Amino acid sequence: MSYRILVINPGSTSTKTAVYEDDELIWESKISHNVDEIAPFPTVYSQKDFRMNLIISELEKAGIGLNSLDAITARGGMLKPLESGTYSVNREMVDYLKEAKRGEHASNLGAVIAFDLGNQLGIPSFIVDPVSVDEMEPIARISGMADIERTCIFHALNQKAIARQVAEEKNTEYEKLNLIVAHLGGGISVACHQKGRVIDVNNALDGEGPMSTERSGTVPLGPLYRMCFSGKYTLEEIKRKNYGQGGIVSYLGTNDAREIVKMIAQ
């Protein structure tokens, strides 16, 4: 018996979906989201119905009936630190992500949409390798300031998938390889994989590592803490400058590479 699985991968700048028959890809879609499209939503969770309706619409256009699905799996969100793996979605997980206890991130929508749609269809929902996967070595948690410990938030799903793909291409096992893997998207994470575990990685959400399309990455601390205490900004405004309105967006007002190419041409 074969199983038809809907896969949902919400990111900060896109919603990717695919349908598999067992391990065979039979359909995929990518919906891009520009800054103006996302800006009206006050929280990530408030995007749930908007993104779910887009997914349903794409499936309908492709002629894939919702009732033909056997299960839904999604990119996991900002949960408590946990081991790499596959987890069943339940109400407790959805409530935790809705409250954004560890922070706002587009990946929080994966489990929420999968659970909602799965309940409507009467099929199970799962997440795989959420961004809160934490396998960092103790020494990697040292930040340089005793009051602050480095935390692990990164693109675990894509990082692990690419690492396993490389292992397959080399006809070996992921658990036998040492790799450096970089994820380049709305955020950027660069990770050290040691024999199946990510032992060090930049916090791709909270201001570590390279600048990306909409995240500031690491910035000079002196000007930053003077900005924080200038009285001009609230905490939420500073956070948005780091995540969502940072990076290329802060310079050019867009996260769309196509628009940037047009600017260069002009």
C-alpha atoms as a PDB file:
ATOM      1  CA  MET A   1       0.000   0.000   0.000  1.00  0.00           C
ATOM      2  CA  SER A   2       1.340   3.431  -0.946  1.00  0.00           C
ATOM      3  CA  TYR A   3       0.854   6.614   1.073  1.00  0.00           C
ATOM      4  CA  ARG A   4       0.190  10.081  -0.312  1.00  0.00           C
ATOM      5  CA  ILE A   5       1.791  12.742   1.875  1.00  0.00           C
ATOM      6  CA  LEU A   6       1.405  16.522   1.722  1.00  0.00           C
ATOM      7  CA  VAL A   7       4.591  18.349   2.731  1.00  0.00           C
ATOM      8  CA  ILE A   8       4.452  21.973   3.946  1.00  0.00           C
ATOM      9  CA  ASN A   9       7.515  24.196   4.363  1.00  0.00           C
ATOM     10  CA  PRO A  10       6.662  27.770   5.411  1.00  0.00           C
ATOM     11  CA  GLY A  11       9.547  30.240   5.307  1.00  0.00           C
ATOM     12  CA  SER A  12       9.839  33.948   5.936  1.00  0.00           C
ATOM     13  CA  THR A  13       9.734  34.750   2.204  1.00  0.00           C
ATOM     14  CA  SER A  14       7.871  31.753   0.747  1.00  0.00           C
ATOM     15  CA  THR A  15       5.493  28.846   1.312  1.00  0.00           C
ATOM     16  CA  LYS A  16       6.696  25.636  -0.318  1.00  0.00           C
ATOM     17  CA  THR A  17       4.435  22.609  -0.693  1.00  0.00           C
ATOM     18  CA  ALA A  18       4.820  19.190  -2.269  1.00  0.00           C
ATOM     19  CA  VAL A  19       2.976  15.892  -2.555  1.00  0.00           C
ATOM     20  CA  TYR A  20       4.746  12.535  -2.399  1.00  0.00           C
ATOM     21  CA  GLU A  21       3.613   8.987  -3.151  1.00  0.00           C
ATOM     22  CA  ASP A  22       5.805   7.223  -0.596  1.00  0.00           C
ATOM     23  CA  ASP A  23       9.239   8.675  -1.485  1.00  0.00           C
ATOM     24  CA  GLU A  24       8.374   9.737  -5.047  1.00  0.00           C
ATOM     25  CA  LEU A  25       7.708  13.433  -5.676  1.00  0.00           C
ATOM     26  CA  ILE A  26       4.567  13.866  -7.795  1.00  0.00           C
ATOM     27  CA  TRP A  27       3.940  17.621  -7.422  1.00  0.00           C
ATOM     28  CA  GLU A  28       5.517  20.704  -5.873  1.00  0.00           C
ATOM     29  CA  SER A  29       4.817  24.416  -5.593  1.00  0.00           C
ATOM     30  CA  LYS A  30       6.555  27.535  -4.298  1.00  0.00           C
ATOM     31  CA  ILE A  31       4.603  30.679  -3.432  1.00  0.00           C
ATOM     32  CA  SER A  32       6.792  33.741  -2.851  1.00  0.00           C
ATOM     33  CA  HIS A  33       5.777  36.450  -0.367  1.00  0.00           C
ATOM     34  CA  ASN A  34       7.059  40.005  -0.632  1.00  0.00           C
ATOM     35  CA  VAL A  35       7.343  42.427   2.270  1.00  0.00           C
ATOM     36  CA  ASP A  36       4.116  44.296   1.450  1.00  0.00           C
ATOM     37  CA  GLU A  37       2.130  41.051   1.367  1.00  0.00           C
ATOM     38  CA  ILE A  38       3.241  39.947   4.839  1.00  0.00           C
ATOM     39  CA  ALA A  39       3.407  43.379   6.510  1.00  0.00           C
ATOM     40  CA  PRO A  40      -0.339  43.664   7.389  1.00  0.00           C
ATOM     41  CA  PHE A  41      -0.184  40.591   9.660  1.00  0.00           C
ATOM     42  CA  PRO A  42       0.708  41.573  13.253  1.00  0.00           C
ATOM     43  CA  THR A  43       2.031  38.105  14.168  1.00  0.00           C
ATOM     44  CA  VAL A  44       3.238  34.994  12.381  1.00  0.00           C
ATOM     45  CA  TYR A  45       0.273  33.002  13.708  1.00  0.00           C
ATOM     46  CA  SER A  46      -2.150  35.509  12.156  1.00  0.00           C
ATOM     47  CA  GLN A  47      -0.864  34.379   8.734  1.00  0.00           C
ATOM     48  CA  LYS A  48      -2.244  30.849   9.272  1.00  0.00           C
ATOM     49  CA  ASP A  49      -5.489  31.104   7.301  1.00  0.00           C
ATOM     50  CA  PHE A  50      -3.856  33.222   4.583  1.00  0.00           C
ATOM     51  CA  ARG A  51      -1.140  30.642   3.940  1.00  0.00           C
ATOM     52  CA  MET A  52      -3.404  27.608   4.381  1.00  0.00           C
ATOM     53  CA  ASN A  53      -5.869  28.957   1.816  1.00  0.00           C
ATOM     54  CA  LEU A  54      -2.998  29.505  -0.625  1.00  0.00           C
ATOM     55  CA  ILE A  55      -1.904  25.888  -0.148  1.00  0.00           C
ATOM     56  CA  ILE A  56      -5.431  24.561  -0.695  1.00  0.00           C
ATOM     57  CA  SER A  57      -5.793  26.742  -3.795  1.00  0.00           C
ATOM     58  CA  GLU A  58      -2.524  25.421  -5.244  1.00  0.00           C
ATOM     59  CA  LEU A  59      -3.626  21.816  -4.650  1.00  0.00           C
ATOM     60  CA  GLU A  60      -6.958  22.490  -6.348  1.00  0.00           C
ATOM     61  CA  LYS A  61      -5.207  24.038  -9.367  1.00  0.00           C
ATOM     62  CA  ALA A  62      -3.044  20.919  -9.625  1.00  0.00           C
ATOM     63  CA  GLY A  63      -6.094  18.658  -9.474  1.00  0.00           C
ATOM     64  CA  ILE A  64      -4.984  17.015  -6.230  1.00  0.00           C
ATOM     65  CA  GLY A  65      -7.974  16.230  -4.038  1.00  0.00           C
ATOM     66  CA  LEU A  66      -7.579  16.844  -0.325  1.00  0.00           C
ATOM     67  CA  ASN A  67      -9.350  13.562   0.389  1.00  0.00           C
ATOM     68  CA  SER A  68      -6.617  11.696  -1.503  1.00  0.00           C
ATOM     69  CA  LEU A  69      -4.067  12.587   1.202  1.00  0.00           C
ATOM     70  CA  ASP A  70      -3.035  10.062   3.866  1.00  0.00           C
ATOM     71  CA  ALA A  71      -0.894  12.315   6.064  1.00  0.00           C
ATOM     72  CA  ILE A  72       0.599  15.791   6.330  1.00  0.00           C
ATOM     73  CA  THR A  73       4.145  16.577   7.389  1.00  0.00           C
ATOM     74  CA  ALA A  74       5.592  20.030   7.940  1.00  0.00           C
ATOM     75  CA  ARG A  75       8.649  21.987   8.859  1.00  0.00           C
ATOM     76  CA  GLY A  76       8.780  22.291  12.646  1.00  0.00           C
ATOM     77  CA  GLY A  77       8.818  25.594  14.502  1.00  0.00           C
ATOM     78  CA  MET A  78      10.410  27.185  17.541  1.00  0.00           C
ATOM     79  CA  LEU A  79       9.673  24.528  20.130  1.00  0.00           C
ATOM     80  CA  LYS A  80      11.678  23.617  23.201  1.00  0.00           C
ATOM     81  CA  PRO A  81      15.185  22.268  22.438  1.00  0.00           C
ATOM     82  CA  LEU A  82      14.940  18.679  21.203  1.00  0.00           C
ATOM     83  CA  GLU A  83      16.729  15.967  19.261  1.00  0.00           C
ATOM     84  CA  SER A  84      16.601  15.707  15.477  1.00  0.00           C
ATOM     85  CA  GLY A  85      13.718  13.525  14.299  1.00  0.00           C
ATOM     86  CA  THR A  86      10.022  13.210  13.377  1.00  0.00           C
ATOM     87  CA  TYR A  87       7.309  14.214  15.862  1.00  0.00           C
ATOM     88  CA  SER A  88       3.520  13.850  15.864  1.00  0.00           C
ATOM     89  CA  VAL A  89       1.669  17.177  16.104  1.00  0.00           C
ATOM     90  CA  ASN A  90      -0.823  17.595  18.968  1.00  0.00           C
ATOM     91  CA  ARG A  91      -2.835  20.411  20.531  1.00  0.00           C
ATOM     92  CA  GLU A  92      -0.166  21.146  23.150  1.00  0.00           C
ATOM     93  CA  MET A  93       2.437  21.715  20.415  1.00  0.00           C
ATOM     94  CA  VAL A  94       0.086  23.975  18.439  1.00  0.00           C
ATOM     95  CA  ASP A  95      -0.745  26.081  21.518  1.00  0.00           C
ATOM     96  CA  TYR A  96       2.963  26.452  22.324  1.00  0.00           C
ATOM     97  CA  LEU A  97       3.685  27.692  18.797  1.00  0.00           C
ATOM     98  CA  LYS A  98       0.640  29.981  18.786  1.00  0.00           C
ATOM     99  CA  GLU A  99       1.927  31.709  21.917  1.00  0.00           C
ATOM    100  CA  ALA A 100       5.390  31.978  20.301  1.00  0.00           C
ATOM    101  CA  LYS A 101       7.044  31.209  23.637  1.00  0.00           C
ATOM    102  CA  ARG A 102      10.480  30.996  22.025  1.00  0.00           C
ATOM    103  CA  GLY A 103       9.854  33.689  19.444  1.00  0.00           C
ATOM    104  CA  GLU A 104       8.091  34.525  16.198  1.00  0.00           C
ATOM    105  CA  HIS A 105       9.205  32.586  13.137  1.00  0.00           C
ATOM    106  CA  ALA A 106       7.494  31.525   9.912  1.00  0.00           C
ATOM    107  CA  SER A 107       8.311  27.870  10.625  1.00  0.00           C
ATOM    108  CA  ASN A 108       5.864  28.038  13.564  1.00  0.00           C
ATOM    109  CA  LEU A 109       3.105  27.886  10.950  1.00  0.00           C
ATOM    110  CA  GLY A 110       4.093  24.435   9.689  1.00  0.00           C
ATOM    111  CA  ALA A 111       2.725  22.384  12.576  1.00  0.00           C
ATOM    112  CA  VAL A 112      -0.251  24.728  13.024  1.00  0.00           C
ATOM    113  CA  ILE A 113      -1.399  24.439   9.395  1.00  0.00           C
ATOM    114  CA  ALA A 114      -0.685  20.691   9.260  1.00  0.00           C
ATOM    115  CA  PHE A 115      -2.683  20.088  12.457  1.00  0.00           C
ATOM    116  CA  ASP A 116      -5.644  22.237  11.352  1.00  0.00           C
ATOM    117  CA  LEU A 117      -5.828  20.735   7.869  1.00  0.00           C
ATOM    118  CA  GLY A 118      -5.168  17.220   9.167  1.00  0.00           C
ATOM    119  CA  ASN A 119      -8.038  17.492  11.651  1.00  0.00           C
ATOM    120  CA  GLN A 120     -10.368  18.695   8.898  1.00  0.00           C
ATOM    121  CA  LEU A 121      -9.433  15.671   6.781  1.00  0.00           C
ATOM    122  CA  GLY A 122      -9.164  13.154   9.631  1.00  0.00           C
ATOM    123  CA  ILE A 123      -5.518  12.292   8.894  1.00  0.00           C
ATOM    124  CA  PRO A 124      -2.357  12.476  11.062  1.00  0.00           C
ATOM    125  CA  SER A 125       0.091  15.380  11.000  1.00  0.00           C
ATOM    126  CA  PHE A 126       3.818  15.417  11.749  1.00  0.00           C
ATOM    127  CA  ILE A 127       6.818  17.731  11.877  1.00  0.00           C
ATOM    128  CA  VAL A 128      10.419  16.882  11.000  1.00  0.00           C
ATOM    129  CA  ASP A 129      13.626  18.471  12.318  1.00  0.00           C
ATOM    130  CA  PRO A 130      12.198  21.719  13.728  1.00  0.00           C
ATOM    131  CA  VAL A 131      14.343  24.854  13.962  1.00  0.00           C
ATOM    132  CA  SER A 132      14.740  24.155  17.696  1.00  0.00           C
ATOM    133  CA  VAL A 133      16.817  20.993  17.135  1.00  0.00           C
ATOM    134  CA  ASP A 134      19.703  21.384  19.593  1.00  0.00           C
ATOM    135  CA  GLU A 135      22.782  19.156  19.419  1.00  0.00           C
ATOM    136  CA  MET A 136      25.387  21.819  20.199  1.00  0.00           C
ATOM    137  CA  GLU A 137      28.474  20.934  22.219  1.00  0.00           C
ATOM    138  CA  PRO A 138      28.820  22.691  25.608  1.00  0.00           C
ATOM    139  CA  ILE A 139      31.879  24.630  24.433  1.00  0.00           C
ATOM    140  CA  ALA A 140      29.867  26.056  21.520  1.00  0.00           C
ATOM    141  CA  ARG A 141      27.469  27.697  23.985  1.00  0.00           C
ATOM    142  CA  ILE A 142      30.160  30.053  25.314  1.00  0.00           C
ATOM    143  CA  SER A 143      29.355  33.522  23.989  1.00  0.00           C
ATOM    144  CA  GLY A 144      32.141  35.691  25.363  1.00  0.00           C
ATOM    145  CA  MET A 145      29.842  37.185  28.012  1.00  0.00           C
ATOM    146  CA  ALA A 146      29.200  35.053  31.102  1.00  0.00           C
ATOM    147  CA  ASP A 147      25.616  36.301  31.490  1.00  0.00           C
ATOM    148  CA  ILE A 148      24.643  35.160  27.989  1.00  0.00           C
ATOM    149  CA  GLU A 149      24.675  31.616  26.605  1.00  0.00           C
ATOM    150  CA  ARG A 150      24.567  30.968  22.863  1.00  0.00           C
ATOM    151  CA  THR A 151      21.350  29.219  21.835  1.00  0.00           C
ATOM    152  CA  CYS A 152      20.635  26.897  18.936  1.00  0.00           C
ATOM    153  CA  ILE A 153      18.062  28.088  16.388  1.00  0.00           C
ATOM    154  CA  PHE A 154      18.770  27.135  12.777  1.00  0.00           C
ATOM    155  CA  HIS A 155      17.402  25.658   9.559  1.00  0.00           C
ATOM    156  CA  ALA A 156      17.658  22.095  10.832  1.00  0.00           C
ATOM    157  CA  LEU A 157      15.275  20.578   8.276  1.00  0.00           C
ATOM    158  CA  ASN A 158      17.178  21.762   5.212  1.00  0.00           C
ATOM    159  CA  GLN A 159      20.588  21.377   6.851  1.00  0.00           C
ATOM    160  CA  LYS A 160      19.925  17.744   7.776  1.00  0.00           C
ATOM    161  CA  ALA A 161      18.282  16.941   4.421  1.00  0.00           C
ATOM    162  CA  ILE A 162      21.222  18.300   2.422  1.00  0.00           C
ATOM    163  CA  ALA A 163      23.731  16.529   4.663  1.00  0.00           C
ATOM    164  CA  ARG A 164      21.909  13.222   4.147  1.00  0.00           C
ATOM    165  CA  GLN A 165      21.747  13.874   0.402  1.00  0.00           C
ATOM    166  CA  VAL A 166      25.522  14.387   0.305  1.00  0.00           C
ATOM    167  CA  ALA A 167      26.001  11.158   2.260  1.00  0.00           C
ATOM    168  CA  GLU A 168      23.827   9.286  -0.236  1.00  0.00           C
ATOM    169  CA  GLU A 169      25.763  10.740  -3.178  1.00  0.00           C
ATOM    170  CA  LYS A 170      29.006   9.603  -1.542  1.00  0.00           C
ATOM    171  CA  ASN A 171      27.525   6.153  -0.881  1.00  0.00           C
ATOM    172  CA  THR A 172      28.002   6.438   2.861  1.00  0.00           C
ATOM    173  CA  GLU A 173      26.039   7.359   5.995  1.00  0.00           C
ATOM    174  CA  TYR A 174      25.422  10.845   7.378  1.00  0.00           C
ATOM    175  CA  GLU A 175      26.560   9.589  10.786  1.00  0.00           C
ATOM    176  CA  LYS A 176      30.024   8.879   9.345  1.00  0.00           C
ATOM    177  CA  LEU A 177      30.652  12.321   7.818  1.00  0.00           C
ATOM    178  CA  ASN A 178      32.017  15.661   9.033  1.00  0.00           C
ATOM    179  CA  LEU A 179      30.482  18.509   7.017  1.00  0.00           C
ATOM    180  CA  ILE A 180      29.997  22.267   6.911  1.00  0.00           C
ATOM    181  CA  VAL A 181      26.545  23.073   5.523  1.00  0.00           C
ATOM    182  CA  ALA A 182      25.164  26.534   4.688  1.00  0.00           C
ATOM    183  CA  HIS A 183      21.476  27.379   4.302  1.00  0.00           C
ATOM    184  CA  LEU A 184      20.835  30.550   2.284  1.00  0.00           C
ATOM    185  CA  GLY A 185      17.320  31.969   2.490  1.00  0.00           C
ATOM    186  CA  GLY A 186      15.392  34.674   4.324  1.00  0.00           C
ATOM    187  CA  GLY A 187      17.873  33.795   7.063  1.00  0.00           C
ATOM    188  CA  ILE A 188      21.320  32.213   6.779  1.00  0.00           C
ATOM    189  CA  SER A 189      22.726  29.421   8.950  1.00  0.00           C
ATOM    190  CA  VAL A 190      26.197  27.897   8.680  1.00  0.00           C
ATOM    191  CA  ALA A 191      26.578  24.670  10.653  1.00  0.00           C
ATOM    192  CA  CYS A 192      29.282  22.206  11.627  1.00  0.00           C
ATOM    193  CA  HIS A 193      27.963  18.627  11.294  1.00  0.00           C
ATOM    194  CA  GLN A 194      30.022  16.014  13.116  1.00  0.00           C
ATOM    195  CA  LYS A 195      28.997  12.411  12.509  1.00  0.00           C
ATOM    196  CA  GLY A 196      25.262  13.043  12.392  1.00  0.00           C
ATOM    197  CA  ARG A 197      25.035  15.875  14.923  1.00  0.00           C
ATOM    198  CA  VAL A 198      25.171  19.657  14.486  1.00  0.00           C
ATOM    199  CA  ILE A 199      27.730  20.568  17.135  1.00  0.00           C
ATOM    200  CA  ASP A 200      27.937  24.307  16.342  1.00  0.00           C
ATOM    201  CA  VAL A 201      25.838  26.746  14.301  1.00  0.00           C
ATOM    202  CA  ASN A 202      25.030  30.449  14.310  1.00  0.00           C
ATOM    203  CA  ASN A 203      21.650  31.485  15.722  1.00  0.00           C
ATOM    204  CA  ALA A 204      20.058  32.275  12.367  1.00  0.00           C
ATOM    205  CA  LEU A 205      17.105  34.127  13.897  1.00  0.00           C
ATOM    206  CA  ASP A 206      18.431  36.194  16.753  1.00  0.00           C
ATOM    207  CA  GLY A 207      21.262  38.276  15.347  1.00  0.00           C
ATOM    208  CA  GLU A 208      24.200  35.938  14.729  1.00  0.00           C
ATOM    209  CA  GLY A 209      26.055  35.212  11.526  1.00  0.00           C
ATOM    210  CA  PRO A 210      25.788  36.702   8.022  1.00  0.00           C
ATOM    211  CA  MET A 211      23.382  39.403   6.908  1.00  0.00           C
ATOM    212  CA  SER A 212      20.535  37.998   4.806  1.00  0.00           C
ATOM    213  CA  THR A 213      17.655  39.404   2.782  1.00  0.00           C
ATOM    214  CA  GLU A 214      15.699  40.440   5.884  1.00  0.00           C
ATOM    215  CA  ARG A 215      17.911  39.757   8.920  1.00  0.00           C
ATOM    216  CA  SER A 216      20.704  41.962  10.150  1.00  0.00           C
ATOM    217  CA  GLY A 217      23.005  39.173  11.276  1.00  0.00           C
ATOM    218  CA  THR A 218      25.844  40.196  13.577  1.00  0.00           C
ATOM    219  CA  VAL A 219      26.081  43.999  13.860  1.00  0.00           C
ATOM    220  CA  PRO A 220      28.530  46.272  15.744  1.00  0.00           C
ATOM    221  CA  LEU A 221      27.490  46.193  19.414  1.00  0.00           C
ATOM    222  CA  GLY A 222      28.432  49.750  20.365  1.00  0.00           C
ATOM    223  CA  PRO A 223      26.041  51.511  17.968  1.00  0.00           C
ATOM    224  CA  LEU A 224      23.392  48.869  18.690  1.00  0.00           C
ATOM    225  CA  TYR A 225      23.222  49.358  22.450  1.00  0.00           C
ATOM    226  CA  ARG A 226      23.314  53.133  22.033  1.00  0.00           C
ATOM    227  CA  MET A 227      20.356  52.773  19.652  1.00  0.00           C
ATOM    228  CA  CYS A 228      18.541  50.602  22.217  1.00  0.00           C
ATOM    229  CA  PHE A 229      18.857  53.266  24.929  1.00  0.00           C
ATOM    230  CA  SER A 230      18.292  56.289  22.703  1.00  0.00           C
ATOM    231  CA  GLY A 231      14.597  56.413  23.603  1.00  0.00           C
ATOM    232  CA  LYS A 232      13.653  56.388  19.917  1.00  0.00           C
ATOM    233  CA  TYR A 233      12.705  52.720  19.684  1.00  0.00           C
ATOM    234  CA  THR A 234      10.671  50.151  21.595  1.00  0.00           C
ATOM    235  CA  LEU A 235      11.996  46.634  22.173  1.00  0.00           C
ATOM    236  CA  GLU A 236       9.683  45.309  19.445  1.00  0.00           C
ATOM    237  CA  GLU A 237      10.966  47.907  16.971  1.00  0.00           C
ATOM    238  CA  ILE A 238      14.568  46.944  17.695  1.00  0.00           C
ATOM    239  CA  LYS A 239      13.687  43.264  17.234  1.00  0.00           C
ATOM    240  CA  ARG A 240      12.087  44.032  13.870  1.00  0.00           C
ATOM    241  CA  LYS A 241      15.247  45.845  12.792  1.00  0.00           C
ATOM    242  CA  ASN A 242      17.098  42.603  13.496  1.00  0.00           C
ATOM    243  CA  TYR A 243      14.520  40.226  12.053  1.00  0.00           C
ATOM    244  CA  GLY A 244      12.060  41.091   9.294  1.00  0.00           C
ATOM    245  CA  GLN A 245      13.252  44.605   8.508  1.00  0.00           C
ATOM    246  CA  GLY A 246      16.995  44.017   8.696  1.00  0.00           C
ATOM    247  CA  GLY A 247      19.535  42.985   6.087  1.00  0.00           C
ATOM    248  CA  ILE A 248      18.871  43.897   2.465  1.00  0.00           C
ATOM    249  CA  VAL A 249      15.335  45.062   3.347  1.00  0.00           C
ATOM    250  CA  SER A 250      16.787  47.775   5.599  1.00  0.00           C
ATOM    251  CA  TYR A 251      18.927  49.095   2.736  1.00  0.00           C
ATOM    252  CA  LEU A 252      16.696  48.593  -0.303  1.00  0.00           C
ATOM    253  CA  GLY A 253      13.175  48.170   1.088  1.00  0.00           C
ATOM    254  CA  THR A 254      12.639  44.764  -0.545  1.00  0.00           C
ATOM    255  CA  ASN A 255      13.492  41.104   0.025  1.00  0.00           C
ATOM    256  CA  ASP A 256      12.786  40.228  -3.621  1.00  0.00           C
ATOM    257  CA  ALA A 257      15.967  39.506  -5.588  1.00  0.00           C
ATOM    258  CA  ARG A 258      14.097  40.148  -8.839  1.00  0.00           C
ATOM    259  CA  GLU A 259      13.379  43.711  -7.731  1.00  0.00           C
ATOM    260  CA  ILE A 260      17.017  44.175  -6.751  1.00  0.00           C
ATOM    261  CA  VAL A 261      18.172  42.996 -10.192  1.00  0.00           C
ATOM    262  CA  LYS A 262      15.865  45.612 -11.746  1.00  0.00           C
ATOM    263  CA  MET A 263      17.375  48.299  -9.482  1.00  0.00           C
ATOM    264  CA  ILE A 264      20.879  47.321 -10.599  1.00  0.00           C
ATOM    265  CA  ALA A 265      19.836  47.460 -14.257  1.00  0.00           C
ATOM    266  CA  GLN A 266      18.486  50.983 -13.777  1.00  0.00           C
END
